[in-house]
Amino acid sequence: MSQSEFSCLSAAKAALVPERDPDVIAAAAGGCPAVSRLSAGPFGAAAACLPGRRVAGVQVAGEVVRVHVVGRYGHAMAEIGAQVRDAVAAVAPGAVVDVVIEDLDLGDLPPGG
């Protein structure tokens, strides 16, 4: 499924599954220790469209929840993905959770370090 198809389906299908609240999903994923922040992706398309606003980094289409994050440097990609999947599964039971790691936040790492 392409990014634009996913975005178009998100708004239509999100209302069909009330337990897939994008705000709750964003809070759960953003609270993971290995996650620096959520990301709307390189073109800003990775977001749930709600009336009058968007929730960056979360897409919901039926049973599928896709979360786009910026991970913290020092954590393995698998660890970042596992933390996000576990956190989202706790607030969106039964969802198929896809995690997209857009980038790594180097924090205060010195250049060349």
PDB file of N, CA and C in Angstrom:
ATOM      1  N   MET A   1       0.855  -1.172   0.000  1.00  0.00           N
ATOM      2  CA  MET A   1       0.000   0.000   0.000  1.00  0.00           C
ATOM      3  C   MET A   1       0.897   1.228   0.000  1.00  0.00           C
ATOM      4  N   SER A   2       0.640   2.150  -0.926  1.00  0.00           N
ATOM      5  CA  SER A   2       1.461   3.350  -1.022  1.00  0.00           C
ATOM      6  C   SER A   2       1.139   4.304   0.117  1.00  0.00           C
ATOM      7  N   GLN A   3       2.035   5.281   0.310  1.00  0.00           N
ATOM      8  CA  GLN A   3       1.854   6.275   1.371  1.00  0.00           C
ATOM      9  C   GLN A   3       0.548   7.040   1.170  1.00  0.00           C
ATOM     10  N   SER A   4       0.254   7.469  -0.061  1.00  0.00           N
ATOM     11  CA  SER A   4      -0.959   8.250  -0.288  1.00  0.00           C
ATOM     12  C   SER A   4      -2.214   7.401  -0.106  1.00  0.00           C
ATOM     13  N   GLU A   5      -2.170   6.134  -0.520  1.00  0.00           N
ATOM     14  CA  GLU A   5      -3.314   5.257  -0.310  1.00  0.00           C
ATOM     15  C   GLU A   5      -3.555   5.050   1.184  1.00  0.00           C
ATOM     16  N   PHE A   6      -2.472   4.880   1.941  1.00  0.00           N
ATOM     17  CA  PHE A   6      -2.595   4.679   3.377  1.00  0.00           C
ATOM     18  C   PHE A   6      -3.208   5.912   4.016  1.00  0.00           C
ATOM     19  N   SER A   7      -2.746   7.109   3.626  1.00  0.00           N
ATOM     20  CA  SER A   7      -3.265   8.347   4.195  1.00  0.00           C
ATOM     21  C   SER A   7      -4.741   8.521   3.895  1.00  0.00           C
ATOM     22  N   CYS A   8      -5.144   8.230   2.664  1.00  0.00           N
ATOM     23  CA  CYS A   8      -6.544   8.383   2.278  1.00  0.00           C
ATOM     24  C   CYS A   8      -7.425   7.407   3.043  1.00  0.00           C
ATOM     25  N   LEU A   9      -6.935   6.208   3.239  1.00  0.00           N
ATOM     26  CA  LEU A   9      -7.721   5.213   3.969  1.00  0.00           C
ATOM     27  C   LEU A   9      -7.785   5.529   5.457  1.00  0.00           C
ATOM     28  N   SER A  10      -6.749   6.182   5.964  1.00  0.00           N
ATOM     29  CA  SER A  10      -6.670   6.449   7.391  1.00  0.00           C
ATOM     30  C   SER A  10      -7.880   7.204   7.907  1.00  0.00           C
ATOM     31  N   ALA A  11      -8.211   8.305   7.273  1.00  0.00           N
ATOM     32  CA  ALA A  11      -9.313   9.126   7.751  1.00  0.00           C
ATOM     33  C   ALA A  11     -10.635   8.374   7.675  1.00  0.00           C
ATOM     34  N   ALA A  12     -10.824   7.613   6.617  1.00  0.00           N
ATOM     35  CA  ALA A  12     -12.084   6.897   6.431  1.00  0.00           C
ATOM     36  C   ALA A  12     -12.239   5.737   7.405  1.00  0.00           C
ATOM     37  N   LYS A  13     -11.175   5.003   7.638  1.00  0.00           N
ATOM     38  CA  LYS A  13     -11.274   3.798   8.452  1.00  0.00           C
ATOM     39  C   LYS A  13     -11.068   4.035   9.945  1.00  0.00           C
ATOM     40  N   ALA A  14     -10.401   5.121  10.307  1.00  0.00           N
ATOM     41  CA  ALA A  14     -10.133   5.369  11.724  1.00  0.00           C
ATOM     42  C   ALA A  14     -11.423   5.459  12.525  1.00  0.00           C
ATOM     43  N   ALA A  15     -12.452   6.031  11.931  1.00  0.00           N
ATOM     44  CA  ALA A  15     -13.721   6.166  12.635  1.00  0.00           C
ATOM     45  C   ALA A  15     -14.388   4.812  12.876  1.00  0.00           C
ATOM     46  N   LEU A  16     -14.010   3.807  12.095  1.00  0.00           N
ATOM     47  CA  LEU A  16     -14.627   2.498  12.234  1.00  0.00           C
ATOM     48  C   LEU A  16     -14.070   1.702  13.410  1.00  0.00           C
ATOM     49  N   VAL A  17     -12.914   2.093  13.894  1.00  0.00           N
ATOM     50  CA  VAL A  17     -12.259   1.362  14.979  1.00  0.00           C
ATOM     51  C   VAL A  17     -11.971   2.355  16.110  1.00  0.00           C
ATOM     52  N   PRO A  18     -12.941   2.587  17.002  1.00  0.00           N
ATOM     53  CA  PRO A  18     -12.791   3.644  18.006  1.00  0.00           C
ATOM     54  C   PRO A  18     -11.631   3.447  18.971  1.00  0.00           C
ATOM     55  N   GLU A  19     -11.201   2.224  19.198  1.00  0.00           N
ATOM     56  CA  GLU A  19     -10.100   2.017  20.145  1.00  0.00           C
ATOM     57  C   GLU A  19      -8.732   2.338  19.542  1.00  0.00           C
ATOM     58  N   ARG A  20      -8.697   2.815  18.322  1.00  0.00           N
ATOM     59  CA  ARG A  20      -7.446   3.204  17.670  1.00  0.00           C
ATOM     60  C   ARG A  20      -7.311   4.730  17.692  1.00  0.00           C
ATOM     61  N   ASP A  21      -7.268   5.305  18.889  1.00  0.00           N
ATOM     62  CA  ASP A  21      -7.190   6.761  19.055  1.00  0.00           C
ATOM     63  C   ASP A  21      -5.769   7.235  18.744  1.00  0.00           C
ATOM     64  N   PRO A  22      -5.587   8.039  17.689  1.00  0.00           N
ATOM     65  CA  PRO A  22      -4.242   8.489  17.315  1.00  0.00           C
ATOM     66  C   PRO A  22      -3.515   9.254  18.418  1.00  0.00           C
ATOM     67  N   ASP A  23      -4.240  10.041  19.211  1.00  0.00           N
ATOM     68  CA  ASP A  23      -3.592  10.778  20.298  1.00  0.00           C
ATOM     69  C   ASP A  23      -3.028   9.833  21.358  1.00  0.00           C
ATOM     70  N   VAL A  24      -3.786   8.811  21.707  1.00  0.00           N
ATOM     71  CA  VAL A  24      -3.345   7.832  22.700  1.00  0.00           C
ATOM     72  C   VAL A  24      -2.164   7.030  22.158  1.00  0.00           C
ATOM     73  N   ILE A  25      -2.242   6.655  20.886  1.00  0.00           N
ATOM     74  CA  ILE A  25      -1.150   5.909  20.250  1.00  0.00           C
ATOM     75  C   ILE A  25       0.113   6.756  20.219  1.00  0.00           C
ATOM     76  N   ALA A  26      -0.014   8.040  19.858  1.00  0.00           N
ATOM     77  CA  ALA A  26       1.147   8.937  19.816  1.00  0.00           C
ATOM     78  C   ALA A  26       1.785   9.079  21.192  1.00  0.00           C
ATOM     79  N   ALA A  27       0.965   9.221  22.221  1.00  0.00           N
ATOM     80  CA  ALA A  27       1.503   9.356  23.582  1.00  0.00           C
ATOM     81  C   ALA A  27       2.231   8.092  24.013  1.00  0.00           C
ATOM     82  N   ALA A  28       1.674   6.937  23.682  1.00  0.00           N
ATOM     83  CA  ALA A  28       2.298   5.669  24.059  1.00  0.00           C
ATOM     84  C   ALA A  28       3.638   5.492  23.348  1.00  0.00           C
ATOM     85  N   ALA A  29       3.662   5.723  22.050  1.00  0.00           N
ATOM     86  CA  ALA A  29       4.893   5.546  21.277  1.00  0.00           C
ATOM     87  C   ALA A  29       5.939   6.585  21.662  1.00  0.00           C
ATOM     88  N   GLY A  30       5.510   7.824  21.837  1.00  0.00           N
ATOM     89  CA  GLY A  30       6.441   8.893  22.197  1.00  0.00           C
ATOM     90  C   GLY A  30       7.029   8.745  23.583  1.00  0.00           C
ATOM     91  N   GLY A  31       6.376   7.965  24.431  1.00  0.00           N
ATOM     92  CA  GLY A  31       6.871   7.747  25.788  1.00  0.00           C
ATOM     93  C   GLY A  31       7.898   6.634  25.920  1.00  0.00           C
ATOM     94  N   CYS A  32       8.203   5.975  24.829  1.00  0.00           N
ATOM     95  CA  CYS A  32       9.193   4.886  24.880  1.00  0.00           C
ATOM     96  C   CYS A  32      10.588   5.455  25.106  1.00  0.00           C
ATOM     97  N   PRO A  33      11.384   4.834  25.978  1.00  0.00           N
ATOM     98  CA  PRO A  33      12.724   5.339  26.266  1.00  0.00           C
ATOM     99  C   PRO A  33      13.641   5.419  25.041  1.00  0.00           C
ATOM    100  N   ALA A  34      13.437   4.557  24.069  1.00  0.00           N
ATOM    101  CA  ALA A  34      14.301   4.540  22.887  1.00  0.00           C
ATOM    102  C   ALA A  34      13.809   5.468  21.782  1.00  0.00           C
ATOM    103  N   VAL A  35      12.716   6.195  22.031  1.00  0.00           N
ATOM    104  CA  VAL A  35      12.144   7.100  21.026  1.00  0.00           C
ATOM    105  C   VAL A  35      12.411   8.545  21.427  1.00  0.00           C
ATOM    106  N   SER A  36      12.993   9.297  20.499  1.00  0.00           N
ATOM    107  CA  SER A  36      13.241  10.714  20.727  1.00  0.00           C
ATOM    108  C   SER A  36      11.978  11.520  20.474  1.00  0.00           C
ATOM    109  N   ARG A  37      11.303  11.210  19.356  1.00  0.00           N
ATOM    110  CA  ARG A  37      10.069  11.908  18.997  1.00  0.00           C
ATOM    111  C   ARG A  37       9.390  11.177  17.861  1.00  0.00           C
ATOM    112  N   LEU A  38       8.144  11.526  17.588  1.00  0.00           N
ATOM    113  CA  LEU A  38       7.446  11.007  16.425  1.00  0.00           C
ATOM    114  C   LEU A  38       7.796  11.882  15.226  1.00  0.00           C
ATOM    115  N   SER A  39       7.633  11.326  14.035  1.00  0.00           N
ATOM    116  CA  SER A  39       7.992  12.041  12.813  1.00  0.00           C
ATOM    117  C   SER A  39       6.856  11.936  11.802  1.00  0.00           C
ATOM    118  N   ALA A  40       6.590  13.023  11.113  1.00  0.00           N
ATOM    119  CA  ALA A  40       5.586  13.008  10.046  1.00  0.00           C
ATOM    120  C   ALA A  40       6.187  12.533   8.734  1.00  0.00           C
ATOM    121  N   GLY A  41       7.456  12.141   8.749  1.00  0.00           N
ATOM    122  CA  GLY A  41       8.098  11.648   7.539  1.00  0.00           C
ATOM    123  C   GLY A  41       8.687  12.774   6.714  1.00  0.00           C
ATOM    124  N   PRO A  42       9.406  12.412   5.651  1.00  0.00           N
ATOM    125  CA  PRO A  42      10.118  13.419   4.864  1.00  0.00           C
ATOM    126  C   PRO A  42       9.206  14.424   4.158  1.00  0.00           C
ATOM    127  N   PHE A  43       7.973  14.061   3.882  1.00  0.00           N
ATOM    128  CA  PHE A  43       7.064  14.970   3.185  1.00  0.00           C
ATOM    129  C   PHE A  43       5.879  15.384   4.055  1.00  0.00           C
ATOM    130  N   GLY A  44       5.911  15.022   5.323  1.00  0.00           N
ATOM    131  CA  GLY A  44       4.848  15.392   6.246  1.00  0.00           C
ATOM    132  C   GLY A  44       3.563  14.601   6.090  1.00  0.00           C
ATOM    133  N   ALA A  45       3.610  13.522   5.326  1.00  0.00           N
ATOM    134  CA  ALA A  45       2.394  12.762   5.034  1.00  0.00           C
ATOM    135  C   ALA A  45       2.044  11.723   6.091  1.00  0.00           C
ATOM    136  N   ALA A  46       2.981  11.397   6.969  1.00  0.00           N
ATOM    137  CA  ALA A  46       2.721  10.366   7.977  1.00  0.00           C
ATOM    138  C   ALA A  46       2.021  11.008   9.168  1.00  0.00           C
ATOM    139  N   ALA A  47       0.705  11.107   9.070  1.00  0.00           N
ATOM    140  CA  ALA A  47      -0.070  11.729  10.140  1.00  0.00           C
ATOM    141  C   ALA A  47      -1.516  11.266  10.057  1.00  0.00           C
ATOM    142  N   ALA A  48      -2.167  11.218  11.201  1.00  0.00           N
ATOM    143  CA  ALA A  48      -3.601  10.934  11.247  1.00  0.00           C
ATOM    144  C   ALA A  48      -4.329  12.263  11.113  1.00  0.00           C
ATOM    145  N   CYS A  49      -5.287  12.314  10.227  1.00  0.00           N
ATOM    146  CA  CYS A  49      -6.066  13.537  10.009  1.00  0.00           C
ATOM    147  C   CYS A  49      -7.335  13.482  10.848  1.00  0.00           C
ATOM    148  N   LEU A  50      -7.422  14.405  11.775  1.00  0.00           N
ATOM    149  CA  LEU A  50      -8.595  14.520  12.632  1.00  0.00           C
ATOM    150  C   LEU A  50      -9.266  15.854  12.334  1.00  0.00           C
ATOM    151  N   PRO A  51     -10.477  16.060  12.760  1.00  0.00           N
ATOM    152  CA  PRO A  51     -11.152  17.328  12.473  1.00  0.00           C
ATOM    153  C   PRO A  51     -10.345  18.529  12.971  1.00  0.00           C
ATOM    154  N   GLY A  52      -9.867  19.343  12.049  1.00  0.00           N
ATOM    155  CA  GLY A  52      -9.143  20.559  12.383  1.00  0.00           C
ATOM    156  C   GLY A  52      -7.693  20.401  12.781  1.00  0.00           C
ATOM    157  N   ARG A  53      -7.156  19.179  12.756  1.00  0.00           N
ATOM    158  CA  ARG A  53      -5.752  18.994  13.167  1.00  0.00           C
ATOM    159  C   ARG A  53      -5.220  17.660  12.666  1.00  0.00           C
ATOM    160  N   ARG A  54      -3.914  17.489  12.842  1.00  0.00           N
ATOM    161  CA  ARG A  54      -3.241  16.251  12.459  1.00  0.00           C
ATOM    162  C   ARG A  54      -2.431  15.745  13.642  1.00  0.00           C
ATOM    163  N   VAL A  55      -2.285  14.427  13.729  1.00  0.00           N
ATOM    164  CA  VAL A  55      -1.422  13.819  14.743  1.00  0.00           C
ATOM    165  C   VAL A  55      -0.222  13.260  13.987  1.00  0.00           C
ATOM    166  N   ALA A  56       0.895  13.982  14.056  1.00  0.00           N
ATOM    167  CA  ALA A  56       2.097  13.609  13.306  1.00  0.00           C
ATOM    168  C   ALA A  56       2.658  12.285  13.791  1.00  0.00           C
ATOM    169  N   GLY A  57       3.073  11.453  12.833  1.00  0.00           N
ATOM    170  CA  GLY A  57       3.749  10.207  13.150  1.00  0.00           C
ATOM    171  C   GLY A  57       2.850   9.006  13.351  1.00  0.00           C
ATOM    172  N   VAL A  58       1.532   9.190  13.276  1.00  0.00           N
ATOM    173  CA  VAL A  58       0.598   8.078  13.491  1.00  0.00           C
ATOM    174  C   VAL A  58      -0.343   7.982  12.299  1.00  0.00           C
ATOM    175  N   GLN A  59      -0.483   6.779  11.773  1.00  0.00           N
ATOM    176  CA  GLN A  59      -1.449   6.511  10.713  1.00  0.00           C
ATOM    177  C   GLN A  59      -2.269   5.299  11.130  1.00  0.00           C
ATOM    178  N   VAL A  60      -3.575   5.398  10.972  1.00  0.00           N
ATOM    179  CA  VAL A  60      -4.470   4.303  11.327  1.00  0.00           C
ATOM    180  C   VAL A  60      -5.326   3.977  10.116  1.00  0.00           C
ATOM    181  N   ALA A  61      -5.321   2.713   9.718  1.00  0.00           N
ATOM    182  CA  ALA A  61      -6.163   2.245   8.619  1.00  0.00           C
ATOM    183  C   ALA A  61      -6.709   0.878   9.009  1.00  0.00           C
ATOM    184  N   GLY A  62      -7.909   0.857   9.541  1.00  0.00           N
ATOM    185  CA  GLY A  62      -8.517  -0.401   9.967  1.00  0.00           C
ATOM    186  C   GLY A  62      -7.731  -1.036  11.092  1.00  0.00           C
ATOM    187  N   GLU A  63      -7.258  -2.241  10.856  1.00  0.00           N
ATOM    188  CA  GLU A  63      -6.505  -2.978  11.877  1.00  0.00           C
ATOM    189  C   GLU A  63      -5.023  -2.603  11.914  1.00  0.00           C
ATOM    190  N   VAL A  64      -4.577  -1.817  10.931  1.00  0.00           N
ATOM    191  CA  VAL A  64      -3.152  -1.476  10.831  1.00  0.00           C
ATOM    192  C   VAL A  64      -2.891  -0.109  11.439  1.00  0.00           C
ATOM    193  N   VAL A  65      -1.896  -0.060  12.328  1.00  0.00           N
ATOM    194  CA  VAL A  65      -1.418   1.190  12.899  1.00  0.00           C
ATOM    195  C   VAL A  65       0.049   1.311  12.497  1.00  0.00           C
ATOM    196  N   ARG A  66       0.375   2.413  11.830  1.00  0.00           N
ATOM    197  CA  ARG A  66       1.758   2.661  11.425  1.00  0.00           C
ATOM    198  C   ARG A  66       2.265   3.858  12.221  1.00  0.00           C
ATOM    199  N   VAL A  67       3.408   3.677  12.881  1.00  0.00           N
ATOM    200  CA  VAL A  67       3.987   4.721  13.715  1.00  0.00           C
ATOM    201  C   VAL A  67       5.369   5.059  13.175  1.00  0.00           C
ATOM    202  N   HIS A  68       5.600   6.342  12.904  1.00  0.00           N
ATOM    203  CA  HIS A  68       6.878   6.838  12.393  1.00  0.00           C
ATOM    204  C   HIS A  68       7.607   7.532  13.539  1.00  0.00           C
ATOM    205  N   VAL A  69       8.829   7.085  13.838  1.00  0.00           N
ATOM    206  CA  VAL A  69       9.561   7.634  14.979  1.00  0.00           C
ATOM    207  C   VAL A  69      10.987   8.023  14.595  1.00  0.00           C
ATOM    208  N   VAL A  70      11.559   8.866  15.443  1.00  0.00           N
ATOM    209  CA  VAL A  70      12.993   9.146  15.430  1.00  0.00           C
ATOM    210  C   VAL A  70      13.523   8.482  16.697  1.00  0.00           C
ATOM    211  N   GLY A  71      14.421   7.527  16.529  1.00  0.00           N
ATOM    212  CA  GLY A  71      14.961   6.797  17.667  1.00  0.00           C
ATOM    213  C   GLY A  71      16.104   7.531  18.331  1.00  0.00           C
ATOM    214  N   ARG A  72      16.434   7.092  19.520  1.00  0.00           N
ATOM    215  CA  ARG A  72      17.586   7.650  20.242  1.00  0.00           C
ATOM    216  C   ARG A  72      18.833   6.834  19.899  1.00  0.00           C
ATOM    217  N   TYR A  73      19.893   7.541  19.618  1.00  0.00           N
ATOM    218  CA  TYR A  73      21.171   6.890  19.329  1.00  0.00           C
ATOM    219  C   TYR A  73      21.576   6.038  20.524  1.00  0.00           C
ATOM    220  N   GLY A  74      22.129   4.875  20.228  1.00  0.00           N
ATOM    221  CA  GLY A  74      22.584   3.969  21.279  1.00  0.00           C
ATOM    222  C   GLY A  74      21.656   2.786  21.474  1.00  0.00           C
ATOM    223  N   HIS A  75      20.465   2.864  20.901  1.00  0.00           N
ATOM    224  CA  HIS A  75      19.513   1.759  20.960  1.00  0.00           C
ATOM    225  C   HIS A  75      19.495   1.046  19.608  1.00  0.00           C
ATOM    226  N   ALA A  76      19.457  -0.261  19.638  1.00  0.00           N
ATOM    227  CA  ALA A  76      19.377  -1.036  18.393  1.00  0.00           C
ATOM    228  C   ALA A  76      18.023  -0.795  17.737  1.00  0.00           C
ATOM    229  N   MET A  77      18.006  -0.868  16.405  1.00  0.00           N
ATOM    230  CA  MET A  77      16.753  -0.680  15.664  1.00  0.00           C
ATOM    231  C   MET A  77      15.683  -1.667  16.148  1.00  0.00           C
ATOM    232  N   ALA A  78      16.084  -2.893  16.374  1.00  0.00           N
ATOM    233  CA  ALA A  78      15.133  -3.908  16.841  1.00  0.00           C
ATOM    234  C   ALA A  78      14.549  -3.530  18.198  1.00  0.00           C
ATOM    235  N   GLU A  79      15.361  -2.950  19.058  1.00  0.00           N
ATOM    236  CA  GLU A  79      14.893  -2.529  20.380  1.00  0.00           C
ATOM    237  C   GLU A  79      13.891  -1.378  20.255  1.00  0.00           C
ATOM    238  N   ILE A  80      14.188  -0.410  19.389  1.00  0.00           N
ATOM    239  CA  ILE A  80      13.269   0.709  19.173  1.00  0.00           C
ATOM    240  C   ILE A  80      11.921   0.178  18.673  1.00  0.00           C
ATOM    241  N   GLY A  81      11.983  -0.678  17.670  1.00  0.00           N
ATOM    242  CA  GLY A  81      10.760  -1.247  17.110  1.00  0.00           C
ATOM    243  C   GLY A  81       9.970  -2.039  18.130  1.00  0.00           C
ATOM    244  N   ALA A  82      10.647  -2.842  18.925  1.00  0.00           N
ATOM    245  CA  ALA A  82       9.965  -3.667  19.929  1.00  0.00           C
ATOM    246  C   ALA A  82       9.294  -2.798  20.993  1.00  0.00           C
ATOM    247  N   GLN A  83       9.995  -1.751  21.450  1.00  0.00           N
ATOM    248  CA  GLN A  83       9.400  -0.867  22.455  1.00  0.00           C
ATOM    249  C   GLN A  83       8.134  -0.209  21.928  1.00  0.00           C
ATOM    250  N   VAL A  84       8.199   0.289  20.689  1.00  0.00           N
ATOM    251  CA  VAL A  84       7.035   0.962  20.109  1.00  0.00           C
ATOM    252  C   VAL A  84       5.894  -0.025  19.891  1.00  0.00           C
ATOM    253  N   ARG A  85       6.189  -1.194  19.349  1.00  0.00           N
ATOM    254  CA  ARG A  85       5.138  -2.194  19.133  1.00  0.00           C
ATOM    255  C   ARG A  85       4.463  -2.581  20.437  1.00  0.00           C
ATOM    256  N   ASP A  86       5.250  -2.805  21.486  1.00  0.00           N
ATOM    257  CA  ASP A  86       4.681  -3.185  22.782  1.00  0.00           C
ATOM    258  C   ASP A  86       3.816  -2.067  23.362  1.00  0.00           C
ATOM    259  N   ALA A  87       4.291  -0.824  23.257  1.00  0.00           N
ATOM    260  CA  ALA A  87       3.542   0.308  23.800  1.00  0.00           C
ATOM    261  C   ALA A  87       2.230   0.511  23.051  1.00  0.00           C
ATOM    262  N   VAL A  88       2.275   0.406  21.726  1.00  0.00           N
ATOM    263  CA  VAL A  88       1.059   0.600  20.929  1.00  0.00           C
ATOM    264  C   VAL A  88       0.097  -0.565  21.133  1.00  0.00           C
ATOM    265  N   ALA A  89       0.614  -1.772  21.236  1.00  0.00           N
ATOM    266  CA  ALA A  89      -0.251  -2.940  21.457  1.00  0.00           C
ATOM    267  C   ALA A  89      -1.027  -2.804  22.770  1.00  0.00           C
ATOM    268  N   ALA A  90      -0.431  -2.156  23.762  1.00  0.00           N
ATOM    269  CA  ALA A  90      -1.103  -1.981  25.052  1.00  0.00           C
ATOM    270  C   ALA A  90      -2.294  -1.029  24.960  1.00  0.00           C
ATOM    271  N   VAL A  91      -2.246  -0.057  24.031  1.00  0.00           N
ATOM    272  CA  VAL A  91      -3.338   0.914  23.921  1.00  0.00           C
ATOM    273  C   VAL A  91      -4.240   0.678  22.710  1.00  0.00           C
ATOM    274  N   ALA A  92      -3.804  -0.207  21.808  1.00  0.00           N
ATOM    275  CA  ALA A  92      -4.609  -0.546  20.628  1.00  0.00           C
ATOM    276  C   ALA A  92      -4.585  -2.059  20.451  1.00  0.00           C
ATOM    277  N   PRO A  93      -5.257  -2.784  21.356  1.00  0.00           N
ATOM    278  CA  PRO A  93      -5.204  -4.245  21.325  1.00  0.00           C
ATOM    279  C   PRO A  93      -5.704  -4.799  19.988  1.00  0.00           C
ATOM    280  N   GLY A  94      -4.986  -5.799  19.500  1.00  0.00           N
ATOM    281  CA  GLY A  94      -5.368  -6.463  18.258  1.00  0.00           C
ATOM    282  C   GLY A  94      -4.886  -5.773  17.004  1.00  0.00           C
ATOM    283  N   ALA A  95      -4.282  -4.614  17.140  1.00  0.00           N
ATOM    284  CA  ALA A  95      -3.794  -3.889  15.957  1.00  0.00           C
ATOM    285  C   ALA A  95      -2.540  -4.551  15.403  1.00  0.00           C
ATOM    286  N   VAL A  96      -2.395  -4.470  14.098  1.00  0.00           N
ATOM    287  CA  VAL A  96      -1.139  -4.836  13.447  1.00  0.00           C
ATOM    288  C   VAL A  96      -0.301  -3.566  13.472  1.00  0.00           C
ATOM    289  N   VAL A  97       0.838  -3.596  14.146  1.00  0.00           N
ATOM    290  CA  VAL A  97       1.636  -2.387  14.343  1.00  0.00           C
ATOM    291  C   VAL A  97       2.874  -2.423  13.451  1.00  0.00           C
ATOM    292  N   ASP A  98       2.964  -1.428  12.568  1.00  0.00           N
ATOM    293  CA  ASP A  98       4.143  -1.238  11.741  1.00  0.00           C
ATOM    294  C   ASP A  98       4.915  -0.064  12.317  1.00  0.00           C
ATOM    295  N   VAL A  99       6.226  -0.220  12.470  1.00  0.00           N
ATOM    296  CA  VAL A  99       7.066   0.854  12.992  1.00  0.00           C
ATOM    297  C   VAL A  99       8.042   1.266  11.903  1.00  0.00           C
ATOM    298  N   VAL A 100       8.066   2.558  11.615  1.00  0.00           N
ATOM    299  CA  VAL A 100       8.999   3.122  10.639  1.00  0.00           C
ATOM    300  C   VAL A 100       9.975   3.993  11.417  1.00  0.00           C
ATOM    301  N   ILE A 101      11.255   3.630  11.387  1.00  0.00           N
ATOM    302  CA  ILE A 101      12.274   4.432  12.069  1.00  0.00           C
ATOM    303  C   ILE A 101      12.847   5.381  11.020  1.00  0.00           C
ATOM    304  N   GLU A 102      12.453   6.636  11.115  1.00  0.00           N
ATOM    305  CA  GLU A 102      12.808   7.644  10.115  1.00  0.00           C
ATOM    306  C   GLU A 102      14.252   8.124  10.258  1.00  0.00           C
ATOM    307  N   ASP A 103      14.742   8.179  11.487  1.00  0.00           N
ATOM    308  CA  ASP A 103      16.059   8.767  11.727  1.00  0.00           C
ATOM    309  C   ASP A 103      16.499   8.400  13.140  1.00  0.00           C
ATOM    310  N   LEU A 104      17.738   8.748  13.464  1.00  0.00           N
ATOM    311  CA  LEU A 104      18.254   8.592  14.830  1.00  0.00           C
ATOM    312  C   LEU A 104      18.660   9.956  15.347  1.00  0.00           C
ATOM    313  N   ASP A 105      18.286  10.243  16.579  1.00  0.00           N
ATOM    314  CA  ASP A 105      18.665  11.486  17.245  1.00  0.00           C
ATOM    315  C   ASP A 105      19.992  11.233  17.956  1.00  0.00           C
ATOM    316  N   LEU A 106      21.001  11.988  17.561  1.00  0.00           N
ATOM    317  CA  LEU A 106      22.330  11.796  18.136  1.00  0.00           C
ATOM    318  C   LEU A 106      22.483  12.505  19.481  1.00  0.00           C
ATOM    319  N   GLY A 107      21.527  13.351  19.822  1.00  0.00           N
ATOM    320  CA  GLY A 107      21.568  14.030  21.121  1.00  0.00           C
ATOM    321  C   GLY A 107      22.793  14.896  21.263  1.00  0.00           C
ATOM    322  N   ASP A 108      23.509  14.736  22.351  1.00  0.00           N
ATOM    323  CA  ASP A 108      24.686  15.560  22.628  1.00  0.00           C
ATOM    324  C   ASP A 108      25.983  14.884  22.193  1.00  0.00           C
ATOM    325  N   LEU A 109      25.876  13.938  21.278  1.00  0.00           N
ATOM    326  CA  LEU A 109      27.074  13.252  20.803  1.00  0.00           C
ATOM    327  C   LEU A 109      28.000  14.236  20.106  1.00  0.00           C
ATOM    328  N   PRO A 110      29.262  14.323  20.517  1.00  0.00           N
ATOM    329  CA  PRO A 110      30.174  15.264  19.859  1.00  0.00           C
ATOM    330  C   PRO A 110      30.451  14.851  18.418  1.00  0.00           C
ATOM    331  N   PRO A 111      30.704  15.805  17.524  1.00  0.00           N
ATOM    332  CA  PRO A 111      31.023  15.480  16.143  1.00  0.00           C
ATOM    333  C   PRO A 111      32.185  14.500  16.057  1.00  0.00           C
ATOM    334  N   GLY A 112      32.033  13.487  15.245  1.00  0.00           N
ATOM    335  CA  GLY A 112      33.081  12.480  15.098  1.00  0.00           C
ATOM    336  C   GLY A 112      33.090  11.475  16.229  1.00  0.00           C
ATOM    337  N   GLY A 113      32.132  11.583  17.194  1.00  0.00           N
ATOM    338  CA  GLY A 113      32.112  10.735  18.363  1.00  0.00           C
ATOM    339  C   GLY A 113      31.340   9.516  18.139  1.00  0.00           C
TER     340      GLY A 113
END
